[in-house]
C-alpha cells in the first residue's frame, strides 16, 4: 500500500525541519553561537521591542526585523533564541513542500541534501536566510500564473534587506 503522496511531502518536510532545528538549537545550547550573527540580531530584536526603531535601519534597511522583536513581548527572553532558530529552520525547509508537489522526490531530496541550505540553517540566525523560501514562493507562484502574488513575494523579499 504505502504512504499517500499528499503525506509524503509533509513527512520529508517535518524530518528535514526537526533535524535542522535540533542541530541548530543544540549548537546554541552548546555555546557555539556567534555574537555577530545570533547575538547581534537578538540584541537588535530586544532593542526594537524596547522602542529603539533605529535598529531597523542601522547598517541595512531590514524592516522584517520587527517580527523578531515581537517575540520579546510575547515569550520569556530565554525562549526567544530557540524560537528564532526553530523559525529559521521551518522557513528554510518550507520549499520542500512546493518542490515535492511540482517536481517529485528527486529534486526535493536534492534540496534537502544541498550543502548551502544546511550551512544557512546551522550558521546561527541571519535575516538573509529568508530569501530562500521567499524566492521559492516567487517562482512557484509565477509557475502557477499568479503574477500579483508573485509580485507581492518580490516586495516581501525587498523588505528582508535592501540588497534584494
Protein backbone atom coordinates (compact mmCIF):
# COMPACT_ATOMS: atom_id res chain seq x y z
CA UNK A 1 0.00 0.00 0.00
CA UNK A 2 2.41 2.78 1.11
CA UNK A 3 2.12 6.34 2.28
CA UNK A 4 -0.25 8.61 0.31
CA UNK A 5 1.53 11.16 -1.89
CA UNK A 6 -0.02 14.07 -0.02
CA UNK A 7 1.52 12.91 3.26
CA UNK A 8 4.99 12.14 1.88
CA UNK A 9 5.88 15.79 1.39
CA UNK A 10 4.92 16.53 4.99
CA UNK A 11 6.98 13.61 6.25
CA UNK A 12 10.01 14.85 4.29
CA UNK A 13 9.41 18.44 5.46
CA UNK A 14 9.00 17.52 9.14
CA UNK A 15 12.01 15.19 9.09
CA UNK A 16 14.18 17.87 7.47
CA UNK A 17 12.85 20.53 9.86
CA UNK A 18 13.32 18.50 13.06
CA UNK A 19 16.84 17.53 12.08
CA UNK A 20 17.91 21.06 11.15
CA UNK A 21 16.14 22.73 14.09
CA UNK A 22 17.51 20.31 16.66
CA UNK A 23 21.05 20.68 15.34
CA UNK A 24 20.76 24.47 15.33
CA UNK A 25 19.33 24.63 18.87
CA UNK A 26 21.92 22.16 20.16
CA UNK A 27 24.65 24.32 18.66
CA UNK A 28 23.22 27.31 20.53
CA UNK A 29 22.91 25.42 23.82
CA UNK A 30 26.50 24.15 23.50
CA UNK A 31 27.63 27.80 23.37
CA UNK A 32 28.78 27.66 19.76
CA UNK A 33 26.57 30.54 18.61
CA UNK A 34 28.35 33.60 17.27
CA UNK A 35 27.83 37.05 18.75
CA UNK A 36 27.84 38.87 15.42
CA UNK A 37 25.11 36.69 13.98
CA UNK A 38 22.65 35.35 16.52
CA UNK A 39 23.78 37.58 19.39
CA UNK A 40 23.69 40.75 17.37
CA UNK A 41 20.25 40.08 15.98
CA UNK A 42 18.86 39.04 19.36
CA UNK A 43 20.18 42.31 20.74
CA UNK A 44 18.53 44.20 17.89
CA UNK A 45 15.25 42.34 18.46
CA UNK A 46 15.32 43.29 22.14
CA UNK A 47 16.23 46.92 21.44
CA UNK A 48 13.43 47.22 18.86
CA UNK A 49 10.97 45.69 21.33
CA UNK A 50 12.03 48.40 23.81
CA UNK A 51 11.26 51.12 21.27
CA UNK A 52 14.62 51.71 19.54
CA UNK A 53 13.25 51.75 15.98
CA UNK A 54 16.55 52.99 14.54
CA UNK A 55 17.80 49.38 14.73
CA UNK A 56 15.63 48.61 11.69
CA UNK A 57 17.81 50.93 9.62
CA UNK A 58 21.31 50.79 11.18
CA UNK A 59 23.63 49.10 8.70
CA UNK A 60 20.95 47.76 6.36
CA UNK A 61 17.30 48.51 5.87
CA UNK A 62 15.64 45.41 7.35
CA UNK A 63 12.00 46.12 8.23
CA UNK A 64 11.25 42.43 8.80
CA UNK A 65 13.37 42.55 11.97
CA UNK A 66 10.27 43.95 13.65
CA UNK A 67 8.73 40.45 13.53
CA UNK A 68 11.54 39.12 15.71
CA UNK A 69 11.13 41.95 18.20
CA UNK A 70 7.54 40.91 18.87
CA UNK A 71 8.88 37.66 20.34
CA UNK A 72 10.35 39.55 23.30
CA UNK A 73 6.89 40.93 24.10
CA UNK A 74 5.20 37.51 23.91
CA UNK A 75 7.74 34.98 25.27
CA UNK A 76 10.26 34.95 28.10
CA UNK A 77 13.68 36.21 26.99
CA UNK A 78 15.44 32.86 27.28
CA UNK A 79 12.96 31.23 24.88
CA UNK A 80 13.49 33.76 22.09
CA UNK A 81 16.77 32.34 20.70
CA UNK A 82 15.26 28.86 20.45
CA UNK A 83 12.12 30.19 18.77
CA UNK A 84 14.17 32.27 16.34
CA UNK A 85 16.37 29.31 15.38
CA UNK A 86 13.40 26.95 15.01
CA UNK A 87 11.51 29.52 12.93
CA UNK A 88 14.50 29.95 10.66
CA UNK A 89 14.73 26.18 10.21
CA UNK A 90 11.00 25.92 9.49
CA UNK A 91 11.21 28.63 6.83
CA UNK A 92 14.38 27.23 5.24
CA UNK A 93 12.72 23.83 4.93
CA UNK A 94 9.48 25.25 3.51
CA UNK A 95 10.48 24.92 -0.20
CA UNK A 96 10.35 21.14 0.29
CA UNK A 97 6.55 21.25 0.12
CA UNK A 98 6.48 23.00 -3.25
CA UNK A 99 9.37 21.06 -4.70
CA UNK A 100 7.70 17.75 -3.90
CA UNK A 101 4.36 18.92 -5.24
CA UNK A 102 5.67 20.17 -8.60
CA UNK A 103 8.84 18.17 -9.23
CA UNK A 104 8.69 14.99 -7.16
CA UNK A 105 11.05 13.16 -4.87
CA UNK A 106 14.45 13.58 -6.53
CA UNK A 107 14.62 17.42 -6.60
CA UNK A 108 13.14 17.50 -3.10
CA UNK A 109 15.82 15.23 -1.71
CA UNK A 110 18.48 17.14 -3.66
CA UNK A 111 17.31 20.33 -1.92
CA UNK A 112 17.35 18.56 1.45
CA UNK A 113 20.93 17.43 0.87
CA UNK A 114 22.15 20.70 -0.64
CA UNK A 115 25.07 21.94 1.46
CA UNK A 116 24.31 25.71 1.29
CA UNK A 117 20.86 25.10 2.80
CA UNK A 118 22.43 23.25 5.72
CA UNK A 119 25.11 25.88 6.08
CA UNK A 120 22.45 28.60 6.23
CA UNK A 121 20.40 26.69 8.74
CA UNK A 122 23.30 25.86 11.03
CA UNK A 123 25.20 29.16 10.93
CA UNK A 124 23.10 30.91 13.56
CA UNK A 125 20.42 33.42 12.56
CA UNK A 126 20.62 35.90 9.76
CA UNK A 127 17.64 37.52 8.00
CA UNK A 128 19.22 36.90 4.59
CA UNK A 129 18.25 33.25 5.00
CA UNK A 130 14.64 34.29 4.48
CA UNK A 131 15.48 34.87 0.83
CA UNK A 132 15.44 31.12 0.17
CA UNK A 133 11.74 30.42 0.94
CA UNK A 134 10.61 33.80 -0.42
CA UNK A 135 12.37 33.23 -3.76
CA UNK A 136 10.95 29.74 -3.98
CA UNK A 137 7.46 31.09 -3.32
CA UNK A 138 8.02 33.73 -6.01
CA UNK A 139 8.93 31.07 -8.57
CA UNK A 140 6.13 28.68 -7.53
CA UNK A 141 3.54 31.47 -7.74
CA UNK A 142 4.86 32.58 -11.12
CA UNK A 143 4.73 28.97 -12.35
CA UNK A 144 1.05 28.83 -11.37
CA UNK A 145 0.34 32.08 -13.23
CA UNK A 146 -0.44 34.00 -10.04
CA UNK A 147 1.52 37.07 -11.07
CA UNK A 148 0.18 39.51 -8.47
CA UNK A 149 1.01 37.11 -5.65
CA UNK A 150 4.47 36.63 -7.18
CA UNK A 151 4.95 40.41 -7.26
CA UNK A 152 3.90 40.52 -3.60
CA UNK A 153 6.53 37.87 -2.80
CA UNK A 154 9.08 40.05 -4.60
CA UNK A 155 8.11 43.04 -2.48
CA UNK A 156 8.40 40.95 0.70
CA UNK A 157 11.86 39.89 -0.46
CA UNK A 158 12.82 43.55 -0.74
CA UNK A 159 11.75 44.00 2.91
CA UNK A 160 14.27 41.39 4.04
CA UNK A 161 17.20 43.61 3.08
CA UNK A 162 17.67 46.46 0.66
CA UNK A 163 20.15 44.47 -1.45
CA UNK A 164 17.37 42.15 -2.54
